[in-house]
């Protein structure tokens, strides 16, 4: 049975974010309604507003977010409107996106799939329907 964790939140001005430090290892799914910064290891799925992954970080599981910035290792699928894959990234899995940036030197073993303007199901649950802009 998978466990689901809520992350602690820090507020800076009008924005909120959660941080999993380099010394943190989590086994279980993570759901956050705010931005999430991961420097440690996560074994489980992550659903959040925005994900920033540090270059020494490892994620083994699916990622669903509005935007992701990948710098470390991911073993699992990524589904987001905006995906940025930095040169230090190592991804083993498929990537679904609307907008994609890949730096030279990044490694990707999987398929790239444009979403065609569709919001991934996990994001639709996290996002207030009034903030979504309909695709034309």
Protein backbone atom coordinates (compact mmCIF):
# COMPACT_ATOMS: atom_id res chain seq x y z
CA UNK A 1 0.00 0.00 0.00
CA UNK A 2 1.47 3.34 -1.07
CA UNK A 3 1.69 6.15 1.43
CA UNK A 4 0.91 9.74 0.49
CA UNK A 5 2.85 12.55 2.12
CA UNK A 6 2.07 16.22 2.40
CA UNK A 7 5.05 18.53 2.42
CA UNK A 8 5.70 21.43 4.74
CA UNK A 9 5.36 24.85 3.17
CA UNK A 10 7.46 28.01 3.34
CA UNK A 11 6.03 31.41 2.39
CA UNK A 12 8.09 34.10 0.74
CA UNK A 13 6.02 37.12 -0.17
CA UNK A 14 3.04 35.97 -2.22
CA UNK A 15 4.49 32.56 -3.20
CA UNK A 16 4.62 29.27 -1.34
CA UNK A 17 6.98 26.37 -1.87
CA UNK A 18 8.06 23.13 -0.22
CA UNK A 19 11.61 21.80 -0.06
CA UNK A 20 12.93 18.26 0.33
CA UNK A 21 16.60 18.70 1.26
CA UNK A 22 19.58 16.69 0.03
CA UNK A 23 19.57 14.63 3.25
CA UNK A 24 15.91 13.59 2.73
CA UNK A 25 14.75 10.25 1.32
CA UNK A 26 11.01 9.71 0.85
CA UNK A 27 9.31 6.43 -0.04
CA UNK A 28 5.70 7.07 -1.03
CA UNK A 29 3.67 9.42 -3.17
CA UNK A 30 3.92 13.20 -2.69
CA UNK A 31 1.09 15.63 -3.36
CA UNK A 32 1.66 19.36 -3.01
CA UNK A 33 -0.61 22.21 -4.06
CA UNK A 34 2.43 24.54 -4.17
CA UNK A 35 5.83 24.55 -5.89
CA UNK A 36 8.15 21.72 -4.82
CA UNK A 37 11.96 21.79 -4.77
CA UNK A 38 13.55 18.31 -4.51
CA UNK A 39 17.22 17.90 -3.64
CA UNK A 40 16.99 14.43 -2.06
CA UNK A 41 15.63 11.04 -3.15
CA UNK A 42 11.98 10.22 -3.82
CA UNK A 43 10.65 6.74 -4.55
CA UNK A 44 7.03 7.33 -5.53
CA UNK A 45 4.88 9.57 -7.68
CA UNK A 46 4.95 13.37 -7.36
CA UNK A 47 2.00 15.66 -8.15
CA UNK A 48 2.54 19.38 -7.57
CA UNK A 49 2.08 22.81 -9.09
CA UNK A 50 5.71 23.19 -10.19
CA UNK A 51 8.74 20.95 -9.64
CA UNK A 52 12.38 21.99 -9.48
CA UNK A 53 14.82 19.09 -9.18
CA UNK A 54 18.41 19.53 -8.03
CA UNK A 55 21.26 17.97 -10.00
CA UNK A 56 22.15 15.40 -7.30
CA UNK A 57 18.49 14.44 -6.77
CA UNK A 58 16.90 11.10 -7.75
CA UNK A 59 13.21 10.49 -8.44
CA UNK A 60 11.88 6.99 -9.13
CA UNK A 61 8.23 7.50 -10.05
CA UNK A 62 5.89 9.54 -12.20
CA UNK A 63 5.85 13.33 -12.14
CA UNK A 64 2.74 15.45 -12.86
CA UNK A 65 2.98 19.24 -12.67
CA UNK A 66 2.25 22.41 -14.60
CA UNK A 67 5.98 22.99 -15.04
CA UNK A 68 9.08 20.94 -14.28
CA UNK A 69 12.78 21.74 -14.31
CA UNK A 70 14.80 18.52 -14.26
CA UNK A 71 18.50 18.55 -13.36
CA UNK A 72 18.98 15.15 -11.69
CA UNK A 73 17.92 11.56 -12.37
CA UNK A 74 14.32 10.58 -13.08
CA UNK A 75 13.16 6.99 -13.61
CA UNK A 76 9.52 7.37 -14.58
CA UNK A 77 7.15 9.37 -16.74
CA UNK A 78 6.95 13.16 -16.72
CA UNK A 79 3.74 14.97 -17.64
CA UNK A 80 3.68 18.79 -17.61
CA UNK A 81 2.72 21.80 -19.69
CA UNK A 82 6.27 23.18 -19.60
CA UNK A 83 9.32 20.90 -19.31
CA UNK A 84 12.92 22.10 -19.00
CA UNK A 85 15.58 19.38 -19.07
CA UNK A 86 18.99 20.68 -17.99
CA UNK A 87 22.33 19.29 -19.21
CA UNK A 88 22.90 17.37 -15.96
CA UNK A 89 19.55 15.53 -16.27
CA UNK A 90 19.26 11.78 -16.81
CA UNK A 91 15.72 10.62 -17.65
CA UNK A 92 14.56 7.02 -18.14
CA UNK A 93 10.92 7.35 -19.15
CA UNK A 94 8.48 9.14 -21.42
CA UNK A 95 7.96 12.91 -21.33
CA UNK A 96 4.57 14.48 -22.19
CA UNK A 97 4.64 18.26 -22.66
CA UNK A 98 3.25 21.36 -24.37
CA UNK A 99 6.52 23.35 -24.31
CA UNK A 100 9.91 21.62 -24.14
CA UNK A 101 13.49 22.82 -23.66
CA UNK A 102 16.42 20.39 -23.62
CA UNK A 103 19.95 21.55 -22.94
CA UNK A 104 22.83 19.99 -24.84
CA UNK A 105 24.29 17.11 -22.83
CA UNK A 106 21.03 15.94 -21.21
CA UNK A 107 20.27 12.22 -21.55
CA UNK A 108 16.77 10.93 -22.29
CA UNK A 109 15.85 7.28 -22.75
CA UNK A 110 12.16 7.38 -23.62
CA UNK A 111 9.64 9.00 -25.91
CA UNK A 112 8.71 12.66 -26.25
CA UNK A 113 4.95 13.17 -26.55
CA UNK A 114 3.35 16.57 -27.11
CA UNK A 115 0.15 16.89 -25.05
CA UNK A 116 -1.63 18.85 -27.76
CA UNK A 117 -2.82 21.43 -25.21
CA UNK A 118 -4.36 18.87 -22.88
CA UNK A 119 -3.95 19.21 -19.13
CA UNK A 120 -2.64 15.96 -17.61
CA UNK A 121 -5.34 14.43 -15.34
CA UNK A 122 -3.29 14.84 -12.13
CA UNK A 123 -2.84 18.54 -12.82
CA UNK A 124 -6.53 19.07 -13.48
CA UNK A 125 -7.23 17.79 -9.96
CA UNK A 126 -4.67 20.15 -8.39
CA UNK A 127 -5.62 23.26 -10.36
CA UNK A 128 -8.65 25.38 -9.60
CA UNK A 129 -10.87 25.16 -12.69
CA UNK A 130 -11.34 28.95 -12.71
CA UNK A 131 -7.60 29.43 -13.38
CA UNK A 132 -7.48 27.21 -16.45
CA UNK A 133 -7.42 28.90 -19.84
CA UNK A 134 -9.44 26.94 -22.42
CA UNK A 135 -7.48 25.75 -25.45
CA UNK A 136 -8.67 27.20 -28.74
